[in-house]
Amino acid sequence: MMKFLFRWSRFRFRRSQFKSVRFVAIAAISLMATLLSLACYYPASPPAQASSILQTPLSTRGSEIIDATGRPVLLRGVNWFGLETETQAPHGLWARDYKEVLAQIKSLGYNIIRLPYSVQALRGNSISGVNFDLGSNRELQGKTPLEVMDLIVQEAGRQGLLILLDSHRLNNQRIPELWYGDGFTEADWINTWTMLAERYKNQPNVIGADLKNEPHGKASWGTNDRATDWRLAAERAGNAILKVNPNWLIVVEGVEKNVPGQRLKIHWMGGNLEGVRRFPVRLSLRNKVVYSPHEYGAGVFNQPWFSEPDFPRNLTSRWEIGFNYIARQNIAPVWVGEFGGRQIDETSKEGIWQRQFVDYLKRNRLGFAYWSWNPNSADTGGILLDDWKAIDQPKQALLNPLLPAPTLRASIEPPKISTSPVAKSRTSDRALQPQRNRDTPTSRDRTLPSRPSQLKTNLLIQSNWQAGFCTSVQITNPGQQAVQNWQLKFNLKQAEIDQSWNGTFKRQGTEIIVTPPEWGRTMQPSQTIDLGFCAKKLGRDYLPSQLEVIAR
């Protein structure tokens, strides 16, 4: 099967709903009504609430991922690719400050980034496709790809975002069938993982290893052939990682085919987890394995099931057989590492599939990482539009019912990353990045007057549910000169902030004063900073009002 780019995700929790029962005079009916009421009143353990702060490390309990306090957690995020391509750096940094990108991801309500890399890139000495004149991107100049990963990880931690590392490729050109090949050995693959496990063992927002992206072709499951049995290779790599870093989750994708007794003839690459029923992954720590299918629509490849007469009713059965039986039978958690597509309408095959799948994630409380954040995924597009700044609002609206996600508490200063050396021995990455704009002056060429009044604000309500909401405030400098020493002021009458990002929020009566982080206190021309918060509603007048930028 030809595979170009398959990307996928999943996400969100259901709020428990309680049915009221009216009692009638007849005793027998009254007793029955009471029993029914009690049955509905005590649901299965509820998910973490949107406003909660999760605590790492994470582990598993039956079909759930839980945090360090034992509370169920749903990981809902995006894939931000590029470190596995020829640029050897996350894409879009030719147009955006990397800290702004992370802030925007957080502002939409996501709590995790699946970060693809290649073994070749992490051994590299240089990066490309980065405009070092854009804000914090100057910090990336002269850095190796591994050091760029360090900075992404650290800043994500500062902003309260989790990171799942993804061994997406071995070289920078393609996704291999197996975990070795393309000039690399199994030892190269495992040694890279143990290097990363050691490097980030004290970085609490790095929560695990997605061992290999989309095993396919010759890859098998349960065949006991050491050369092709992906389940055995996952055990070898997973145990090597846990020996170095026992806190990580070990995320294991499926294969494409070659599973003894599989019921479905065709699967997506990495989407076939039918073998787990008879041949589960056995790790030295039993509460660390998470299974991760990838799922796509007809926009990626027009698979036969999209043309079956019972489409889309046939989809649920496929998902149950292919992977969700694992969670339903309480074997282990299921987390969708990739899903996505360009169409979200109610008439196209892809649109119908994508709507059905989002609803399935919601009903089954499955987490996900959407493919992709990047707009330059040719067959799926992304959350961002082609300018790398604006949001694809209809697509985001489709995902909003699954958001916001419980998050880490943003850290002031993350732990220092180890500098252990690199071990020796479906990305739609076709787009070419623009050349760096060499005419853009650096901050050293500009004066820094204090004129906060020239900054513009834009309030965006990202999520709104019965008990709370999340909002993002974009601060933009449209002028020709930099601005420093600014603060944001607004009124918040009937809401209580319970989490925030990219600023220190202080209340004085109904007034909120926000001080930006140190890296955002100087606003360069054309720069935008996203800051925001989630809050509990205390009444009808809960939305922020009278936004104003003031001098410190």
Protein backbone atom coordinates (compact mmCIF):
# COMPACT_ATOMS: atom_id res chain seq x y z
CA MET A 1 0.00 0.00 0.00
CA MET A 2 1.35 3.40 -0.90
CA LYS A 3 1.70 5.59 2.12
CA PHE A 4 2.45 9.23 1.90
CA LEU A 5 1.47 10.85 5.18
CA PHE A 6 -0.84 9.49 7.79
CA ARG A 7 -1.54 11.66 10.81
CA TRP A 8 -3.85 11.17 13.69
CA SER A 9 -5.16 12.03 17.20
CA ARG A 10 -7.80 11.84 19.79
CA PHE A 11 -9.07 13.56 22.83
CA ARG A 12 -11.35 14.81 25.64
CA PHE A 13 -13.46 13.80 28.52
CA ARG A 14 -17.20 13.60 29.19
CA ARG A 15 -18.83 15.38 32.03
CA SER A 16 -20.87 13.02 34.14
CA GLN A 17 -24.56 13.77 33.79
CA PHE A 18 -27.06 12.90 36.47
CA LYS A 19 -30.68 12.07 35.69
CA SER A 20 -33.39 13.16 38.06
CA VAL A 21 -36.22 10.67 38.70
CA ARG A 22 -39.73 11.63 39.69
CA PHE A 23 -41.23 9.40 42.28
CA VAL A 24 -44.80 8.28 41.85
CA ALA A 25 -47.23 7.09 44.42
CA ILE A 26 -47.15 3.40 43.62
CA ALA A 27 -44.55 1.74 45.83
CA ALA A 28 -43.21 -0.73 43.27
CA ILE A 29 -42.69 1.97 40.64
CA SER A 30 -41.17 4.25 43.26
CA LEU A 31 -38.64 1.60 44.25
CA MET A 32 -37.72 0.93 40.62
CA ALA A 33 -37.29 4.63 39.96
CA THR A 34 -35.05 4.97 43.00
CA LEU A 35 -32.82 2.12 41.90
CA LEU A 36 -32.54 3.56 38.42
CA SER A 37 -31.68 6.94 39.87
CA LEU A 38 -28.91 5.50 42.01
CA ALA A 39 -27.48 3.54 39.07
CA CYS A 40 -27.21 6.71 37.03
CA TYR A 41 -25.87 8.78 39.90
CA TYR A 42 -22.69 6.77 40.37
CA PRO A 43 -20.79 6.81 37.04
CA ALA A 44 -17.35 5.36 36.34
CA SER A 45 -14.44 7.38 37.74
CA PRO A 46 -14.65 10.83 36.15
CA PRO A 47 -11.81 12.37 34.15
CA ALA A 48 -9.69 15.21 35.45
CA GLN A 49 -11.57 18.50 35.17
CA ALA A 50 -10.55 21.13 32.68
CA SER A 51 -9.26 23.45 35.36
CA SER A 52 -7.18 20.82 37.18
CA ILE A 53 -3.40 20.82 37.41
CA LEU A 54 -1.91 17.41 36.70
CA GLN A 55 1.25 16.15 38.36
CA THR A 56 3.91 14.07 36.67
CA PRO A 57 5.20 11.40 36.37
CA LEU A 58 2.38 9.61 34.62
CA SER A 59 1.58 5.92 34.75
CA THR A 60 -1.31 3.62 33.82
CA ARG A 61 -4.12 1.93 35.69
CA GLY A 62 -6.19 -0.41 33.59
CA SER A 63 -7.44 1.61 30.63
CA GLU A 64 -6.52 4.96 32.18
CA ILE A 65 -3.45 7.17 32.18
CA ILE A 66 -3.12 8.62 35.66
CA ASP A 67 -0.99 11.34 37.18
CA ALA A 68 1.21 11.12 40.28
CA THR A 69 -1.84 11.60 42.55
CA GLY A 70 -3.74 8.74 40.92
CA ARG A 71 -6.14 11.04 39.06
CA PRO A 72 -7.17 10.03 35.50
CA VAL A 73 -5.69 12.30 32.84
CA LEU A 74 -6.50 12.71 29.15
CA LEU A 75 -3.62 13.83 26.96
CA ARG A 76 -4.94 16.04 24.16
CA GLY A 77 -2.54 17.76 21.87
CA VAL A 78 -0.98 18.31 18.47
CA ASN A 79 1.93 17.06 16.38
CA TRP A 80 4.48 19.76 15.56
CA PHE A 81 6.81 18.26 12.98
CA GLY A 82 10.11 19.34 11.42
CA LEU A 83 12.88 17.92 13.61
CA GLU A 84 12.73 14.75 11.53
CA THR A 85 13.14 16.56 8.19
CA GLU A 86 15.99 18.21 6.31
CA THR A 87 15.57 21.44 8.31
CA GLN A 88 16.35 19.47 11.49
CA ALA A 89 14.20 22.00 13.38
CA PRO A 90 10.45 22.35 13.94
CA HIS A 91 8.77 23.91 10.91
CA GLY A 92 7.33 27.39 10.88
CA LEU A 93 10.18 29.11 12.66
CA TRP A 94 10.87 30.99 9.45
CA ALA A 95 7.62 32.85 10.26
CA ARG A 96 7.17 32.63 14.04
CA ASP A 97 8.97 33.03 17.34
CA TYR A 98 9.13 29.52 18.84
CA LYS A 99 7.88 30.75 22.21
CA GLU A 100 4.87 32.34 20.56
CA VAL A 101 4.10 29.04 18.83
CA LEU A 102 4.10 27.19 22.14
CA ALA A 103 1.97 29.90 23.76
CA GLN A 104 -0.58 29.65 20.96
CA ILE A 105 -0.81 25.87 21.31
CA LYS A 106 -1.40 26.28 25.03
CA SER A 107 -3.96 29.06 24.51
CA LEU A 108 -6.18 26.75 22.45
CA GLY A 109 -6.51 24.33 25.34
CA TYR A 110 -4.08 21.55 24.35
CA ASN A 111 -1.82 20.04 26.99
CA ILE A 112 0.70 17.95 25.04
CA ILE A 113 2.90 18.14 21.95
CA ARG A 114 3.97 14.99 20.15
CA LEU A 115 7.42 16.05 18.91
CA PRO A 116 8.77 13.98 16.00
CA TYR A 117 12.53 13.60 15.47
CA SER A 118 14.91 11.54 13.37
CA VAL A 119 18.02 9.74 14.60
CA GLN A 120 19.97 11.46 11.84
CA ALA A 121 18.86 14.93 12.97
CA LEU A 122 19.82 14.37 16.60
CA ARG A 123 23.33 13.50 15.41
CA GLY A 124 23.47 16.63 13.27
CA ASN A 125 25.37 19.86 13.89
CA SER A 126 23.19 22.44 12.17
CA ILE A 127 19.61 23.57 11.55
CA SER A 128 17.90 25.50 8.74
CA GLY A 129 14.54 27.11 8.06
CA VAL A 130 14.78 29.42 11.10
CA ASN A 131 14.59 33.22 11.00
CA PHE A 132 16.94 34.11 13.84
CA ASP A 133 15.82 37.75 13.72
CA LEU A 134 12.34 36.86 15.02
CA GLY A 135 12.17 37.44 18.77
CA SER A 136 13.32 34.46 20.80
CA ASN A 137 14.51 32.58 17.71
CA ARG A 138 17.87 34.29 18.20
CA GLU A 139 18.37 31.79 21.04
CA LEU A 140 18.42 29.02 18.42
CA GLN A 141 21.28 30.49 16.39
CA GLY A 142 24.35 28.26 16.40
CA LYS A 143 22.51 25.45 18.16
CA THR A 144 22.54 21.79 17.13
CA PRO A 145 19.20 20.04 16.47
CA LEU A 146 19.46 18.33 19.87
CA GLU A 147 20.02 21.68 21.57
CA VAL A 148 16.99 23.07 19.72
CA MET A 149 14.98 20.17 21.13
CA ASP A 150 16.29 21.14 24.58
CA LEU A 151 15.01 24.70 24.22
CA ILE A 152 11.61 23.56 22.92
CA VAL A 153 11.28 21.14 25.83
CA GLN A 154 12.31 23.74 28.39
CA GLU A 155 9.98 26.45 27.10
CA ALA A 156 7.09 24.00 26.89
CA GLY A 157 7.75 23.21 30.55
CA ARG A 158 7.71 26.89 31.44
CA GLN A 159 4.33 27.21 29.82
CA GLY A 160 2.88 24.04 31.34
CA LEU A 161 2.90 21.89 28.19
CA LEU A 162 3.80 18.20 28.14
CA ILE A 163 6.11 16.68 25.52
CA LEU A 164 5.94 13.16 24.06
CA LEU A 165 9.03 12.39 22.00
CA ASP A 166 8.38 10.49 18.77
CA SER A 167 11.03 8.48 16.88
CA HIS A 168 9.46 9.37 13.55
CA ARG A 169 12.29 8.47 11.18
CA LEU A 170 15.80 7.10 11.15
CA ASN A 171 17.09 9.32 8.35
CA ASN A 172 15.58 12.67 7.33
CA GLN A 173 13.90 11.44 4.15
CA ARG A 174 11.28 8.80 4.89
CA ILE A 175 9.47 6.63 7.42
CA PRO A 176 11.07 3.15 7.38
CA GLU A 177 9.09 -0.08 7.58
CA LEU A 178 11.09 -1.32 10.56
CA TRP A 179 12.93 0.19 13.50
CA TYR A 180 16.24 -0.33 11.73
CA GLY A 181 17.41 0.25 8.17
CA ASP A 182 18.07 3.39 6.10
CA GLY A 183 21.69 3.23 7.29
CA PHE A 184 20.89 2.70 10.99
CA THR A 185 20.88 -0.36 13.22
CA GLU A 186 18.62 -1.42 16.04
CA ALA A 187 21.39 -0.39 18.42
CA ASP A 188 21.40 3.11 16.91
CA TRP A 189 17.66 3.36 17.51
CA ILE A 190 17.76 2.08 21.10
CA ASN A 191 20.88 4.06 22.03
CA THR A 192 19.22 7.26 20.85
CA TRP A 193 16.25 6.49 23.06
CA THR A 194 18.37 5.78 26.14
CA MET A 195 20.34 8.97 25.50
CA LEU A 196 17.09 10.97 25.48
CA ALA A 197 15.76 9.13 28.53
CA GLU A 198 18.89 10.11 30.44
CA ARG A 199 18.96 13.66 29.05
CA TYR A 200 15.37 14.46 30.07
CA LYS A 201 14.98 12.30 33.17
CA ASN A 202 14.83 15.44 35.35
CA GLN A 203 12.59 17.35 32.94
CA PRO A 204 9.10 16.61 34.35
CA ASN A 205 7.13 17.74 31.31
CA VAL A 206 8.73 15.09 29.06
CA ILE A 207 6.39 12.21 29.81
CA GLY A 208 7.34 9.40 27.48
CA ALA A 209 8.60 7.76 24.31
CA ASP A 210 6.57 6.95 21.21
CA LEU A 211 8.99 4.21 20.22
CA LYS A 212 8.62 4.10 16.43
CA ASN A 213 6.32 5.87 14.02
CA GLU A 214 4.05 3.65 11.92
CA PRO A 215 5.68 0.21 11.59
CA HIS A 216 4.47 -1.22 8.29
CA GLY A 217 5.37 -3.48 5.36
CA LYS A 218 7.39 -6.39 6.73
CA ALA A 219 6.69 -5.38 10.36
CA SER A 220 4.73 -8.10 12.18
CA TRP A 221 3.17 -8.66 15.61
CA GLY A 222 3.21 -11.94 17.49
CA THR A 223 5.26 -13.90 14.92
CA ASN A 224 8.33 -14.33 17.19
CA ASP A 225 10.61 -13.41 14.28
CA ARG A 226 13.23 -11.19 15.87
CA ALA A 227 13.90 -9.47 12.55
CA THR A 228 10.31 -8.31 11.99
CA ASP A 229 8.25 -8.80 15.18
CA TRP A 230 7.57 -5.24 16.28
CA ARG A 231 6.10 -6.34 19.61
CA LEU A 232 9.42 -7.93 20.62
CA ALA A 233 11.42 -4.89 19.46
CA ALA A 234 9.13 -2.61 21.48
CA GLU A 235 9.83 -4.71 24.54
CA ARG A 236 13.60 -4.46 24.02
CA ALA A 237 13.54 -0.70 23.54
CA GLY A 238 10.92 -0.06 26.24
CA ASN A 239 12.83 -1.98 28.88
CA ALA A 240 16.10 -0.26 27.94
CA ILE A 241 14.41 3.13 28.38
CA LEU A 242 12.77 2.23 31.70
CA LYS A 243 16.08 1.03 33.06
CA VAL A 244 17.41 4.57 32.57
CA ASN A 245 14.22 6.48 33.27
CA PRO A 246 11.44 4.54 35.03
CA ASN A 247 9.10 7.56 34.99
CA TRP A 248 8.34 7.56 31.27
CA LEU A 249 5.31 6.12 29.54
CA ILE A 250 6.20 3.71 26.73
CA VAL A 251 3.91 4.39 23.78
CA VAL A 252 3.64 1.51 21.29
CA GLU A 253 2.00 1.89 17.89
CA GLY A 254 0.50 -0.93 15.89
CA VAL A 255 1.63 -2.42 12.59
CA GLU A 256 -0.05 -2.52 9.20
CA LYS A 257 -0.49 -6.29 8.65
CA ASN A 258 1.22 -9.61 9.47
CA VAL A 259 -0.70 -10.31 12.71
CA PRO A 260 -1.67 -13.97 13.24
CA GLY A 261 -5.45 -14.30 13.20
CA GLN A 262 -6.21 -10.65 12.48
CA ARG A 263 -9.89 -10.05 11.67
CA LEU A 264 -9.61 -6.97 9.46
CA LYS A 265 -7.77 -7.45 6.18
CA ILE A 266 -6.53 -3.87 5.85
CA HIS A 267 -5.30 -1.30 8.37
CA TRP A 268 -3.56 2.03 8.28
CA MET A 269 0.19 1.89 8.78
CA GLY A 270 0.69 1.75 12.55
CA GLY A 271 -3.04 1.29 13.09
CA ASN A 272 -3.24 -2.50 13.53
CA LEU A 273 -3.29 -3.34 17.24
CA GLU A 274 -5.31 -6.55 16.88
CA GLY A 275 -2.31 -8.54 18.13
CA VAL A 276 -2.39 -7.03 21.63
CA ARG A 277 -5.20 -9.40 22.66
CA ARG A 278 -2.98 -12.49 22.30
CA PHE A 279 0.46 -10.89 22.39
CA PRO A 280 0.59 -7.87 24.76
CA VAL A 281 3.79 -5.89 25.17
CA ARG A 282 5.58 -7.09 28.33
CA LEU A 283 7.67 -4.45 30.10
CA SER A 284 9.72 -4.58 33.27
CA LEU A 285 7.28 -2.03 34.75
CA ARG A 286 3.73 -3.16 34.03
CA ASN A 287 2.04 0.23 34.51
CA LYS A 288 3.87 2.07 31.72
CA VAL A 289 2.66 0.76 28.36
CA VAL A 290 0.20 2.79 26.26
CA TYR A 291 -1.03 1.59 22.85
CA SER A 292 -1.30 4.16 20.10
CA PRO A 293 -3.11 3.69 16.76
CA HIS A 294 -3.09 6.17 13.86
CA GLU A 295 -6.33 6.80 11.99
CA TYR A 296 -7.08 8.79 8.83
CA GLY A 297 -9.79 9.53 6.32
CA ALA A 298 -10.16 9.26 2.58
CA GLY A 299 -8.20 12.48 2.06
CA VAL A 300 -5.01 10.63 2.96
CA PHE A 301 -5.86 7.44 1.05
CA ASN A 302 -9.23 6.26 -0.22
CA GLN A 303 -9.29 2.97 1.66
CA PRO A 304 -11.88 0.34 0.61
CA TRP A 305 -14.00 0.78 3.74
CA PHE A 306 -14.88 4.36 2.75
CA SER A 307 -16.76 2.93 -0.26
CA GLU A 308 -18.58 0.12 1.53
CA PRO A 309 -22.39 0.35 1.39
CA ASP A 310 -22.70 0.68 5.18
CA PHE A 311 -20.28 3.64 5.44
CA PRO A 312 -20.09 5.42 7.88
CA ARG A 313 -21.84 2.90 10.15
CA ASN A 314 -18.95 0.49 9.52
CA LEU A 315 -16.40 2.79 11.17
CA THR A 316 -17.24 2.04 14.81
CA SER A 317 -16.81 -1.69 14.27
CA ARG A 318 -13.40 -1.15 12.65
CA TRP A 319 -12.22 1.01 15.55
CA GLU A 320 -13.42 -1.49 18.14
CA ILE A 321 -11.72 -4.43 16.39
CA GLY A 322 -8.56 -2.53 15.50
CA PHE A 323 -7.69 -0.92 18.82
CA ASN A 324 -10.41 0.19 21.25
CA TYR A 325 -11.07 -3.31 22.59
CA ILE A 326 -7.78 -2.76 24.46
CA ALA A 327 -9.30 0.02 26.54
CA ARG A 328 -12.77 -1.51 26.70
CA GLN A 329 -11.35 -4.75 28.13
CA ASN A 330 -9.22 -2.75 30.59
CA ILE A 331 -5.97 -4.16 29.16
CA ALA A 332 -4.19 -0.82 28.83
CA PRO A 333 -4.83 2.79 27.81
CA VAL A 334 -5.35 3.69 24.14
CA TRP A 335 -4.01 7.07 22.95
CA VAL A 336 -4.41 8.11 19.33
CA GLY A 337 -1.03 9.44 18.25
CA GLU A 338 -2.22 10.82 14.91
CA PHE A 339 -5.45 11.69 13.15
CA GLY A 340 -6.46 14.60 10.97
CA GLY A 341 -7.60 15.78 7.59
CA ARG A 342 -8.52 18.82 5.54
CA GLN A 343 -12.27 18.20 5.28
CA ILE A 344 -14.62 18.55 8.24
CA ASP A 345 -17.91 18.99 6.33
CA GLU A 346 -20.95 16.75 6.58
CA THR A 347 -20.95 15.49 2.98
CA SER A 348 -17.42 14.45 1.92
CA LYS A 349 -16.06 11.05 2.95
CA GLU A 350 -13.23 12.67 4.89
CA GLY A 351 -15.51 15.18 6.59
CA ILE A 352 -17.96 12.48 7.65
CA TRP A 353 -15.11 10.25 8.86
CA GLN A 354 -13.48 13.06 10.84
CA ARG A 355 -16.71 14.13 12.54
CA GLN A 356 -17.51 10.52 13.40
CA PHE A 357 -14.06 9.98 14.83
CA VAL A 358 -14.08 13.12 17.00
CA ASP A 359 -17.43 12.01 18.40
CA TYR A 360 -15.97 8.53 19.02
CA LEU A 361 -13.05 10.02 20.94
CA LYS A 362 -15.43 12.06 23.02
CA ARG A 363 -17.77 9.16 23.82
CA ASN A 364 -14.92 6.81 24.70
CA ARG A 365 -12.75 9.38 26.52
CA LEU A 366 -9.71 8.76 24.34
CA GLY A 367 -6.74 11.12 24.23
CA PHE A 368 -4.96 12.17 21.04
CA ALA A 369 -2.40 14.30 19.24
CA TYR A 370 -3.91 15.90 16.15
CA TRP A 371 -1.99 15.73 12.89
CA SER A 372 -0.92 18.37 12.58
CA TRP A 373 -0.19 21.77 14.01
CA ASN A 374 1.72 22.51 10.79
CA PRO A 375 -0.23 23.78 7.79
CA ASN A 376 2.35 22.25 5.40
CA SER A 377 1.14 18.68 5.81
CA ALA A 378 0.10 18.18 2.19
CA ASP A 379 -2.67 15.64 2.64
CA THR A 380 -4.11 16.84 5.96
CA GLY A 381 -3.35 20.53 6.40
CA GLY A 382 -3.10 21.70 9.99
CA ILE A 383 -4.58 23.67 12.84
CA LEU A 384 -2.67 26.67 11.50
CA LEU A 385 -3.37 28.27 8.14
CA ASP A 386 -0.67 28.87 5.55
CA ASP A 387 0.56 32.12 7.16
CA TRP A 388 1.59 30.01 10.21
CA LYS A 389 -0.32 32.41 12.48
CA ALA A 390 -4.06 32.29 11.86
CA ILE A 391 -6.11 29.34 13.14
CA ASP A 392 -8.28 27.19 10.90
CA GLN A 393 -11.34 28.14 12.92
CA PRO A 394 -13.81 25.49 11.62
CA LYS A 395 -11.28 22.73 12.28
CA GLN A 396 -10.49 24.07 15.73
CA ALA A 397 -14.22 24.39 16.45
CA LEU A 398 -14.59 20.67 15.68
CA LEU A 399 -11.97 19.88 18.34
CA ASN A 400 -13.06 22.47 20.91
CA PRO A 401 -15.63 20.19 22.61
CA LEU A 402 -12.67 18.01 23.64
CA LEU A 403 -10.83 20.97 25.20
CA PRO A 404 -9.38 22.44 27.37
CA ALA A 405 -7.11 19.75 28.73
CA PRO A 406 -5.78 19.51 32.31
CA THR A 407 -2.27 20.86 32.29
CA LEU A 408 0.96 21.07 34.20
CA ARG A 409 1.53 24.05 36.42
CA ALA A 410 3.76 26.34 34.38
CA SER A 411 7.26 26.40 35.84
CA ILE A 412 9.36 29.49 36.50
CA GLU A 413 12.68 27.79 35.75
CA PRO A 414 12.81 24.18 34.54
CA PRO A 415 15.48 21.73 35.70
CA LYS A 416 18.79 21.88 33.90
CA ILE A 417 18.96 19.40 31.04
CA SER A 418 21.78 16.88 31.00
CA THR A 419 24.27 17.30 28.19
CA SER A 420 24.87 13.63 27.53
CA PRO A 421 26.26 13.10 24.02
CA VAL A 422 24.27 11.60 21.17
CA ALA A 423 24.83 7.86 20.92
CA LYS A 424 26.92 6.85 17.92
CA SER A 425 27.41 3.48 16.32
CA ARG A 426 4.02 10.60 8.17
CA THR A 427 5.12 13.65 7.95
CA SER A 428 3.91 15.79 5.11
CA ASP A 429 7.31 17.35 4.88
CA ARG A 430 7.23 18.27 1.21
CA ALA A 431 6.93 22.00 1.68
CA LEU A 432 10.06 24.09 1.25
CA GLN A 433 10.66 26.67 3.92
CA PRO A 434 11.13 30.29 2.84
CA GLN A 435 14.55 31.87 3.01
CA ARG A 436 15.37 33.90 6.06
CA ASN A 437 14.52 37.57 5.64
CA ARG A 438 17.95 39.11 5.88
CA ASP A 439 16.55 42.66 5.68
CA THR A 440 14.88 42.38 9.06
CA PRO A 441 16.85 44.49 11.55
CA THR A 442 17.94 42.89 14.79
CA SER A 443 17.01 44.18 18.22
CA ARG A 444 20.43 45.79 18.49
CA ASP A 445 19.48 48.11 15.61
CA ARG A 446 16.36 49.48 17.29
CA THR A 447 15.65 52.00 20.03
CA LEU A 448 13.45 50.89 22.87
CA PRO A 449 10.99 53.65 23.77
CA SER A 450 8.33 52.94 26.39
CA ARG A 451 5.03 53.57 24.63
CA PRO A 452 2.70 50.76 25.72
CA SER A 453 -0.35 52.60 24.38
CA GLN A 454 0.65 51.70 20.82
CA LEU A 455 0.21 47.97 21.54
CA LYS A 456 -3.04 46.42 20.31
CA THR A 457 -5.09 43.73 22.06
CA ASN A 458 -7.31 41.02 20.60
CA LEU A 459 -9.47 38.89 22.90
CA LEU A 460 -10.30 35.34 21.72
CA ILE A 461 -12.61 32.97 23.61
CA GLN A 462 -11.05 29.58 22.90
CA SER A 463 -13.35 27.30 24.91
CA ASN A 464 -16.62 27.88 26.74
CA TRP A 465 -18.53 25.30 28.76
CA GLN A 466 -21.15 25.38 31.49
CA ALA A 467 -18.81 25.87 34.43
CA GLY A 468 -15.91 27.77 32.89
CA PHE A 469 -14.06 29.10 29.89
CA CYS A 470 -10.59 29.66 28.46
CA THR A 471 -9.50 32.81 26.68
CA SER A 472 -6.44 34.05 24.82
CA VAL A 473 -5.34 37.67 24.61
CA GLN A 474 -3.07 38.51 21.69
CA ILE A 475 -0.84 41.54 22.26
CA THR A 476 0.57 42.97 19.02
CA ASN A 477 3.00 45.78 18.31
CA PRO A 478 1.88 47.26 14.97
CA GLY A 479 4.35 50.15 15.16
CA GLN A 480 7.84 50.71 13.79
CA GLN A 481 9.58 50.83 17.17
CA ALA A 482 9.98 48.37 20.01
CA VAL A 483 7.99 48.78 23.21
CA GLN A 484 9.13 47.79 26.68
CA ASN A 485 7.84 47.82 30.27
CA TRP A 486 4.18 47.15 29.51
CA GLN A 487 1.35 45.45 31.39
CA LEU A 488 -2.16 44.35 30.47
CA LYS A 489 -5.15 45.49 32.52
CA PHE A 490 -8.75 44.28 32.30
CA ASN A 491 -11.87 43.79 34.42
CA LEU A 492 -13.04 40.33 35.46
CA LYS A 493 -16.19 40.59 37.57
CA GLN A 494 -17.82 37.19 37.91
CA ALA A 495 -15.07 34.69 37.17
CA GLU A 496 -12.15 33.22 39.08
CA ILE A 497 -8.90 32.44 37.23
CA ASP A 498 -7.60 28.96 38.02
CA GLN A 499 -4.80 28.63 35.47
CA SER A 500 -2.90 31.03 33.24
CA TRP A 501 0.06 31.20 30.87
CA ASN A 502 2.63 33.69 29.57
CA GLY A 503 2.09 36.19 32.35
CA THR A 504 1.70 36.84 36.07
CA PHE A 505 -1.96 37.59 36.80
CA LYS A 506 -2.74 39.65 39.92
CA ARG A 507 -6.24 40.63 41.03
CA GLN A 508 -7.10 43.98 42.63
CA GLY A 509 -10.84 43.89 43.27
CA THR A 510 -12.45 43.27 39.89
CA GLU A 511 -9.32 44.44 38.07
CA ILE A 512 -6.65 42.05 36.76
CA ILE A 513 -3.09 43.26 36.11
CA VAL A 514 -0.95 40.99 33.92
CA THR A 515 2.85 41.30 33.84
CA PRO A 516 4.44 39.50 30.88
CA PRO A 517 7.31 37.03 31.39
CA GLU A 518 10.82 38.37 31.09
CA TRP A 519 11.22 37.21 27.48
CA GLY A 520 8.07 39.12 26.47
CA ARG A 521 8.61 42.43 28.20
CA THR A 522 10.11 43.99 25.08
CA MET A 523 7.78 43.87 22.10
CA GLN A 524 9.53 44.19 18.77
CA PRO A 525 7.73 45.69 15.71
CA SER A 526 5.16 43.27 14.27
CA GLN A 527 5.63 40.89 17.20
CA THR A 528 2.61 39.19 18.80
CA ILE A 529 2.48 37.52 22.20
CA ASP A 530 -0.34 35.19 23.23
CA LEU A 531 -1.19 35.14 26.90
CA GLY A 532 -4.30 33.77 28.47
CA PHE A 533 -6.14 32.01 31.23
CA CYS A 534 -8.91 29.59 32.12
CA ALA A 535 -11.48 30.57 34.74
CA LYS A 536 -14.50 29.31 36.66
CA LYS A 537 -17.76 31.12 36.03
CA LEU A 538 -19.29 32.78 39.11
CA GLY A 539 -22.19 34.50 37.33
CA ARG A 540 -23.40 35.73 33.97
CA ASP A 541 -21.00 38.68 33.77
CA TYR A 542 -17.93 36.46 33.52
CA LEU A 543 -16.16 37.66 30.38
CA PRO A 544 -13.14 39.99 30.61
CA SER A 545 -13.81 43.59 29.62
CA GLN A 546 -12.10 46.99 29.26
CA LEU A 547 -8.79 45.57 28.07
CA GLU A 548 -5.99 48.14 28.14
CA VAL A 549 -2.21 48.09 27.82
CA ILE A 550 -0.51 50.31 30.41
CA ALA A 551 3.01 51.30 31.44
CA ARG A 552 4.64 49.57 34.38
